[in-house]
Amino acid sequence: MSTLIAILILMASLVGMAIILLRKIPILVTLPESFEVPEREDVFLLIKKKIKQNNPFKNFSYELFLQKILSKVK
């Protein structure tokens, strides 16, 4: 009985994948064969620069942090 259920689920999944594939083929045919891929390195450099500019730990003092924790514990 469990094998029958597994086979039915497998068949339903395959039919679902086939339907999705058949619906997407016309869209894929209309796409151009070549397209420009944006450089990922530029995006990573931009993010890195933003993080460096907005660094919240720029003026972080460990001594002050420890003093605050000790005063709260006290």
PDB file of N, CA and C in Angstrom:
ATOM      1  N   MET A   1       0.815  -1.187   0.000  1.00  0.00           N
ATOM      2  CA  MET A   1       0.000   0.000   0.000  1.00  0.00           C
ATOM      3  C   MET A   1       0.866   1.263   0.000  1.00  0.00           C
ATOM      4  N   SER A   2       1.943   1.230   0.804  1.00  0.00           N
ATOM      5  CA  SER A   2       2.812   2.403   0.873  1.00  0.00           C
ATOM      6  C   SER A   2       3.565   2.602  -0.445  1.00  0.00           C
ATOM      7  N   THR A   3       3.889   1.504  -1.130  1.00  0.00           N
ATOM      8  CA  THR A   3       4.564   1.647  -2.423  1.00  0.00           C
ATOM      9  C   THR A   3       3.625   2.255  -3.455  1.00  0.00           C
ATOM     10  N   LEU A   4       2.355   1.922  -3.374  1.00  0.00           N
ATOM     11  CA  LEU A   4       1.376   2.482  -4.296  1.00  0.00           C
ATOM     12  C   LEU A   4       1.249   3.989  -4.080  1.00  0.00           C
ATOM     13  N   ILE A   5       1.220   4.412  -2.835  1.00  0.00           N
ATOM     14  CA  ILE A   5       1.141   5.836  -2.515  1.00  0.00           C
ATOM     15  C   ILE A   5       2.394   6.551  -3.004  1.00  0.00           C
ATOM     16  N   ALA A   6       3.561   5.938  -2.807  1.00  0.00           N
ATOM     17  CA  ALA A   6       4.811   6.534  -3.246  1.00  0.00           C
ATOM     18  C   ALA A   6       4.838   6.664  -4.769  1.00  0.00           C
ATOM     19  N   ILE A   7       4.361   5.647  -5.476  1.00  0.00           N
ATOM     20  CA  ILE A   7       4.324   5.697  -6.938  1.00  0.00           C
ATOM     21  C   ILE A   7       3.358   6.780  -7.406  1.00  0.00           C
ATOM     22  N   LEU A   8       2.207   6.922  -6.754  1.00  0.00           N
ATOM     23  CA  LEU A   8       1.253   7.961  -7.128  1.00  0.00           C
ATOM     24  C   LEU A   8       1.830   9.358  -6.916  1.00  0.00           C
ATOM     25  N   ILE A   9       2.526   9.545  -5.806  1.00  0.00           N
ATOM     26  CA  ILE A   9       3.160  10.835  -5.541  1.00  0.00           C
ATOM     27  C   ILE A   9       4.237  11.116  -6.580  1.00  0.00           C
ATOM     28  N   LEU A  10       5.022  10.093  -6.938  1.00  0.00           N
ATOM     29  CA  LEU A  10       6.057  10.258  -7.951  1.00  0.00           C
ATOM     30  C   LEU A  10       5.440  10.643  -9.291  1.00  0.00           C
ATOM     31  N   MET A  11       4.386   9.954  -9.686  1.00  0.00           N
ATOM     32  CA  MET A  11       3.732  10.253 -10.962  1.00  0.00           C
ATOM     33  C   MET A  11       3.140  11.667 -10.960  1.00  0.00           C
ATOM     34  N   ALA A  12       2.502  12.051  -9.869  1.00  0.00           N
ATOM     35  CA  ALA A  12       1.921  13.389  -9.778  1.00  0.00           C
ATOM     36  C   ALA A  12       3.012  14.454  -9.854  1.00  0.00           C
ATOM     37  N   SER A  13       4.150  14.198  -9.233  1.00  0.00           N
ATOM     38  CA  SER A  13       5.263  15.142  -9.278  1.00  0.00           C
ATOM     39  C   SER A  13       5.814  15.273 -10.689  1.00  0.00           C
ATOM     40  N   LEU A  14       5.966  14.141 -11.364  1.00  0.00           N
ATOM     41  CA  LEU A  14       6.475  14.176 -12.735  1.00  0.00           C
ATOM     42  C   LEU A  14       5.510  14.896 -13.668  1.00  0.00           C
ATOM     43  N   VAL A  15       4.207  14.668 -13.495  1.00  0.00           N
ATOM     44  CA  VAL A  15       3.217  15.362 -14.316  1.00  0.00           C
ATOM     45  C   VAL A  15       3.259  16.859 -14.035  1.00  0.00           C
ATOM     46  N   GLY A  16       3.380  17.249 -12.794  1.00  0.00           N
ATOM     47  CA  GLY A  16       3.470  18.657 -12.426  1.00  0.00           C
ATOM     48  C   GLY A  16       4.700  19.322 -13.023  1.00  0.00           C
ATOM     49  N   MET A  17       5.845  18.629 -12.972  1.00  0.00           N
ATOM     50  CA  MET A  17       7.064  19.168 -13.570  1.00  0.00           C
ATOM     51  C   MET A  17       6.922  19.297 -15.083  1.00  0.00           C
ATOM     52  N   ALA A  18       6.270  18.336 -15.712  1.00  0.00           N
ATOM     53  CA  ALA A  18       6.065  18.391 -17.161  1.00  0.00           C
ATOM     54  C   ALA A  18       5.163  19.565 -17.535  1.00  0.00           C
ATOM     55  N   ILE A  19       4.125  19.801 -16.747  1.00  0.00           N
ATOM     56  CA  ILE A  19       3.219  20.924 -17.024  1.00  0.00           C
ATOM     57  C   ILE A  19       3.964  22.249 -16.898  1.00  0.00           C
ATOM     58  N   ILE A  20       4.744  22.387 -15.853  1.00  0.00           N
ATOM     59  CA  ILE A  20       5.510  23.619 -15.672  1.00  0.00           C
ATOM     60  C   ILE A  20       6.498  23.806 -16.821  1.00  0.00           C
ATOM     61  N   LEU A  21       7.174  22.735 -17.216  1.00  0.00           N
ATOM     62  CA  LEU A  21       8.135  22.819 -18.315  1.00  0.00           C
ATOM     63  C   LEU A  21       7.441  23.194 -19.620  1.00  0.00           C
ATOM     64  N   LEU A  22       6.303  22.604 -19.907  1.00  0.00           N
ATOM     65  CA  LEU A  22       5.580  22.911 -21.147  1.00  0.00           C
ATOM     66  C   LEU A  22       5.066  24.346 -21.163  1.00  0.00           C
ATOM     67  N   ARG A  23       4.741  24.890 -20.007  1.00  0.00           N
ATOM     68  CA  ARG A  23       4.283  26.283 -19.952  1.00  0.00           C
ATOM     69  C   ARG A  23       5.441  27.265 -20.104  1.00  0.00           C
ATOM     70  N   LYS A  24       6.657  26.858 -19.728  1.00  0.00           N
ATOM     71  CA  LYS A  24       7.807  27.766 -19.776  1.00  0.00           C
ATOM     72  C   LYS A  24       8.562  27.703 -21.095  1.00  0.00           C
ATOM     73  N   ILE A  25       8.385  26.669 -21.901  1.00  0.00           N
ATOM     74  CA  ILE A  25       9.121  26.549 -23.161  1.00  0.00           C
ATOM     75  C   ILE A  25       8.869  27.741 -24.083  1.00  0.00           C
ATOM     76  N   PRO A  26       7.638  28.202 -24.302  1.00  0.00           N
ATOM     77  CA  PRO A  26       7.456  29.362 -25.194  1.00  0.00           C
ATOM     78  C   PRO A  26       8.165  30.622 -24.693  1.00  0.00           C
ATOM     79  N   ILE A  27       8.219  30.804 -23.410  1.00  0.00           N
ATOM     80  CA  ILE A  27       8.905  31.975 -22.846  1.00  0.00           C
ATOM     81  C   ILE A  27      10.408  31.842 -23.062  1.00  0.00           C
ATOM     82  N   LEU A  28      10.937  30.633 -22.887  1.00  0.00           N
ATOM     83  CA  LEU A  28      12.366  30.418 -23.068  1.00  0.00           C
ATOM     84  C   LEU A  28      12.778  30.581 -24.522  1.00  0.00           C
ATOM     85  N   VAL A  29      11.890  30.241 -25.458  1.00  0.00           N
ATOM     86  CA  VAL A  29      12.200  30.379 -26.880  1.00  0.00           C
ATOM     87  C   VAL A  29      12.316  31.850 -27.265  1.00  0.00           C
ATOM     88  N   THR A  30      11.522  32.710 -26.636  1.00  0.00           N
ATOM     89  CA  THR A  30      11.549  34.131 -26.997  1.00  0.00           C
ATOM     90  C   THR A  30      12.740  34.876 -26.404  1.00  0.00           C
ATOM     91  N   LEU A  31      13.451  34.301 -25.468  1.00  0.00           N
ATOM     92  CA  LEU A  31      14.604  34.962 -24.870  1.00  0.00           C
ATOM     93  C   LEU A  31      15.756  35.036 -25.868  1.00  0.00           C
ATOM     94  N   PRO A  32      16.554  36.101 -25.800  1.00  0.00           N
ATOM     95  CA  PRO A  32      17.728  36.168 -26.677  1.00  0.00           C
ATOM     96  C   PRO A  32      18.753  35.117 -26.264  1.00  0.00           C
ATOM     97  N   GLU A  33      19.553  34.685 -27.251  1.00  0.00           N
ATOM     98  CA  GLU A  33      20.530  33.635 -26.956  1.00  0.00           C
ATOM     99  C   GLU A  33      21.677  34.130 -26.089  1.00  0.00           C
ATOM    100  N   SER A  34      22.057  35.388 -26.250  1.00  0.00           N
ATOM    101  CA  SER A  34      23.150  35.916 -25.440  1.00  0.00           C
ATOM    102  C   SER A  34      22.678  37.188 -24.741  1.00  0.00           C
ATOM    103  N   PHE A  35      23.146  37.356 -23.564  1.00  0.00           N
ATOM    104  CA  PHE A  35      22.837  38.556 -22.798  1.00  0.00           C
ATOM    105  C   PHE A  35      24.021  38.870 -21.913  1.00  0.00           C
ATOM    106  N   GLU A  36      24.097  40.126 -21.522  1.00  0.00           N
ATOM    107  CA  GLU A  36      25.208  40.569 -20.689  1.00  0.00           C
ATOM    108  C   GLU A  36      24.919  40.261 -19.230  1.00  0.00           C
ATOM    109  N   VAL A  37      25.890  39.634 -18.615  1.00  0.00           N
ATOM    110  CA  VAL A  37      25.775  39.310 -17.199  1.00  0.00           C
ATOM    111  C   VAL A  37      26.451  40.422 -16.414  1.00  0.00           C
ATOM    112  N   PRO A  38      25.741  41.060 -15.491  1.00  0.00           N
ATOM    113  CA  PRO A  38      26.399  42.113 -14.707  1.00  0.00           C
ATOM    114  C   PRO A  38      27.508  41.520 -13.845  1.00  0.00           C
ATOM    115  N   GLU A  39      28.554  42.295 -13.694  1.00  0.00           N
ATOM    116  CA  GLU A  39      29.685  41.810 -12.913  1.00  0.00           C
ATOM    117  C   GLU A  39      29.329  41.780 -11.437  1.00  0.00           C
ATOM    118  N   ARG A  40      29.540  40.640 -10.843  1.00  0.00           N
ATOM    119  CA  ARG A  40      29.221  40.476  -9.427  1.00  0.00           C
ATOM    120  C   ARG A  40      30.252  41.159  -8.544  1.00  0.00           C
ATOM    121  N   GLU A  41      31.458  41.292  -9.044  1.00  0.00           N
ATOM    122  CA  GLU A  41      32.520  41.891  -8.240  1.00  0.00           C
ATOM    123  C   GLU A  41      32.183  43.342  -7.885  1.00  0.00           C
ATOM    124  N   ASP A  42      31.603  44.058  -8.818  1.00  0.00           N
ATOM    125  CA  ASP A  42      31.237  45.434  -8.543  1.00  0.00           C
ATOM    126  C   ASP A  42      30.209  45.529  -7.416  1.00  0.00           C
ATOM    127  N   VAL A  43      29.263  44.600  -7.407  1.00  0.00           N
ATOM    128  CA  VAL A  43      28.235  44.603  -6.371  1.00  0.00           C
ATOM    129  C   VAL A  43      28.865  44.334  -5.013  1.00  0.00           C
ATOM    130  N   PHE A  44      29.779  43.368  -4.970  1.00  0.00           N
ATOM    131  CA  PHE A  44      30.421  43.048  -3.701  1.00  0.00           C
ATOM    132  C   PHE A  44      31.300  44.201  -3.211  1.00  0.00           C
ATOM    133  N   LEU A  45      31.979  44.875  -4.131  1.00  0.00           N
ATOM    134  CA  LEU A  45      32.791  46.024  -3.727  1.00  0.00           C
ATOM    135  C   LEU A  45      31.925  47.155  -3.203  1.00  0.00           C
ATOM    136  N   LEU A  46      30.772  47.364  -3.836  1.00  0.00           N
ATOM    137  CA  LEU A  46      29.855  48.396  -3.379  1.00  0.00           C
ATOM    138  C   LEU A  46      29.354  48.086  -1.970  1.00  0.00           C
ATOM    139  N   ILE A  47      28.979  46.853  -1.725  1.00  0.00           N
ATOM    140  CA  ILE A  47      28.497  46.453  -0.396  1.00  0.00           C
ATOM    141  C   ILE A  47      29.615  46.609   0.633  1.00  0.00           C
ATOM    142  N   LYS A  48      30.829  46.228   0.249  1.00  0.00           N
ATOM    143  CA  LYS A  48      31.961  46.332   1.167  1.00  0.00           C
ATOM    144  C   LYS A  48      32.234  47.791   1.538  1.00  0.00           C
ATOM    145  N   LYS A  49      32.149  48.685   0.553  1.00  0.00           N
ATOM    146  CA  LYS A  49      32.354  50.106   0.824  1.00  0.00           C
ATOM    147  C   LYS A  49      31.269  50.655   1.744  1.00  0.00           C
ATOM    148  N   LYS A  50      30.014  50.245   1.515  1.00  0.00           N
ATOM    149  CA  LYS A  50      28.913  50.712   2.361  1.00  0.00           C
ATOM    150  C   LYS A  50      29.117  50.263   3.803  1.00  0.00           C
ATOM    151  N   ILE A  51      29.560  49.025   3.977  1.00  0.00           N
ATOM    152  CA  ILE A  51      29.783  48.507   5.329  1.00  0.00           C
ATOM    153  C   ILE A  51      30.911  49.281   6.008  1.00  0.00           C
ATOM    154  N   LYS A  52      31.974  49.573   5.261  1.00  0.00           N
ATOM    155  CA  LYS A  52      33.079  50.328   5.851  1.00  0.00           C
ATOM    156  C   LYS A  52      32.669  51.743   6.223  1.00  0.00           C
ATOM    157  N   GLN A  53      31.809  52.357   5.397  1.00  0.00           N
ATOM    158  CA  GLN A  53      31.362  53.715   5.684  1.00  0.00           C
ATOM    159  C   GLN A  53      30.442  53.760   6.893  1.00  0.00           C
ATOM    160  N   ASN A  54      29.577  52.782   7.028  1.00  0.00           N
ATOM    161  CA  ASN A  54      28.576  52.790   8.092  1.00  0.00           C
ATOM    162  C   ASN A  54      28.918  51.787   9.183  1.00  0.00           C
ATOM    163  N   ASN A  55      30.167  51.679   9.517  1.00  0.00           N
ATOM    164  CA  ASN A  55      30.598  50.722  10.519  1.00  0.00           C
ATOM    165  C   ASN A  55      30.135  51.179  11.909  1.00  0.00           C
ATOM    166  N   PRO A  56      29.236  50.412  12.552  1.00  0.00           N
ATOM    167  CA  PRO A  56      28.750  50.832  13.869  1.00  0.00           C
ATOM    168  C   PRO A  56      29.792  50.638  14.980  1.00  0.00           C
ATOM    169  N   PHE A  57      30.839  49.865  14.702  1.00  0.00           N
ATOM    170  CA  PHE A  57      31.840  49.587  15.724  1.00  0.00           C
ATOM    171  C   PHE A  57      33.088  50.447  15.548  1.00  0.00           C
ATOM    172  N   LYS A  58      32.957  51.554  14.845  1.00  0.00           N
ATOM    173  CA  LYS A  58      34.096  52.418  14.590  1.00  0.00           C
ATOM    174  C   LYS A  58      34.668  52.967  15.901  1.00  0.00           C
ATOM    175  N   ASN A  59      33.810  53.462  16.762  1.00  0.00           N
ATOM    176  CA  ASN A  59      34.242  54.065  18.022  1.00  0.00           C
ATOM    177  C   ASN A  59      33.899  53.166  19.215  1.00  0.00           C
ATOM    178  N   PHE A  60      34.010  51.888  19.020  1.00  0.00           N
ATOM    179  CA  PHE A  60      33.636  50.942  20.063  1.00  0.00           C
ATOM    180  C   PHE A  60      34.767  50.810  21.068  1.00  0.00           C
ATOM    181  N   SER A  61      34.417  50.947  22.341  1.00  0.00           N
ATOM    182  CA  SER A  61      35.398  50.826  23.408  1.00  0.00           C
ATOM    183  C   SER A  61      35.051  49.612  24.254  1.00  0.00           C
ATOM    184  N   TYR A  62      35.961  48.645  24.282  1.00  0.00           N
ATOM    185  CA  TYR A  62      35.723  47.439  25.072  1.00  0.00           C
ATOM    186  C   TYR A  62      35.703  47.739  26.560  1.00  0.00           C
ATOM    187  N   GLU A  63      36.519  48.667  26.981  1.00  0.00           N
ATOM    188  CA  GLU A  63      36.570  49.017  28.410  1.00  0.00           C
ATOM    189  C   GLU A  63      35.241  49.614  28.862  1.00  0.00           C
ATOM    190  N   LEU A  64      34.703  50.521  28.076  1.00  0.00           N
ATOM    191  CA  LEU A  64      33.415  51.118  28.405  1.00  0.00           C
ATOM    192  C   LEU A  64      32.308  50.069  28.406  1.00  0.00           C
ATOM    193  N   PHE A  65      32.362  49.171  27.451  1.00  0.00           N
ATOM    194  CA  PHE A  65      31.377  48.086  27.378  1.00  0.00           C
ATOM    195  C   PHE A  65      31.442  47.207  28.623  1.00  0.00           C
ATOM    196  N   LEU A  66      32.644  46.839  29.034  1.00  0.00           N
ATOM    197  CA  LEU A  66      32.806  46.009  30.226  1.00  0.00           C
ATOM    198  C   LEU A  66      32.373  46.754  31.491  1.00  0.00           C
ATOM    199  N   GLN A  67      32.653  48.056  31.566  1.00  0.00           N
ATOM    200  CA  GLN A  67      32.219  48.838  32.720  1.00  0.00           C
ATOM    201  C   GLN A  67      30.699  48.864  32.820  1.00  0.00           C
ATOM    202  N   LYS A  68      30.019  49.012  31.696  1.00  0.00           N
ATOM    203  CA  LYS A  68      28.563  49.025  31.703  1.00  0.00           C
ATOM    204  C   LYS A  68      28.002  47.678  32.152  1.00  0.00           C
ATOM    205  N   ILE A  69      28.583  46.605  31.663  1.00  0.00           N
ATOM    206  CA  ILE A  69      28.125  45.274  32.075  1.00  0.00           C
ATOM    207  C   ILE A  69      28.353  45.061  33.556  1.00  0.00           C
ATOM    208  N   LEU A  70      29.534  45.441  34.052  1.00  0.00           N
ATOM    209  CA  LEU A  70      29.825  45.263  35.476  1.00  0.00           C
ATOM    210  C   LEU A  70      28.913  46.111  36.349  1.00  0.00           C
ATOM    211  N   SER A  71      28.586  47.318  35.893  1.00  0.00           N
ATOM    212  CA  SER A  71      27.686  48.154  36.703  1.00  0.00           C
ATOM    213  C   SER A  71      26.270  47.570  36.716  1.00  0.00           C
ATOM    214  N   LYS A  72      25.847  46.962  35.637  1.00  0.00           N
ATOM    215  CA  LYS A  72      24.525  46.333  35.619  1.00  0.00           C
ATOM    216  C   LYS A  72      24.495  45.090  36.497  1.00  0.00           C
ATOM    217  N   VAL A  73      25.567  44.330  36.488  1.00  0.00           N
ATOM    218  CA  VAL A  73      25.643  43.132  37.327  1.00  0.00           C
ATOM    219  C   VAL A  73      25.703  43.518  38.794  1.00  0.00           C
ATOM    220  N   LYS A  74      26.393  44.584  39.085  1.00  0.00           N
ATOM    221  CA  LYS A  74      26.548  45.039  40.461  1.00  0.00           C
ATOM    222  C   LYS A  74      25.223  45.489  41.004  1.00  0.00           C
TER     223      LYS A  74
END
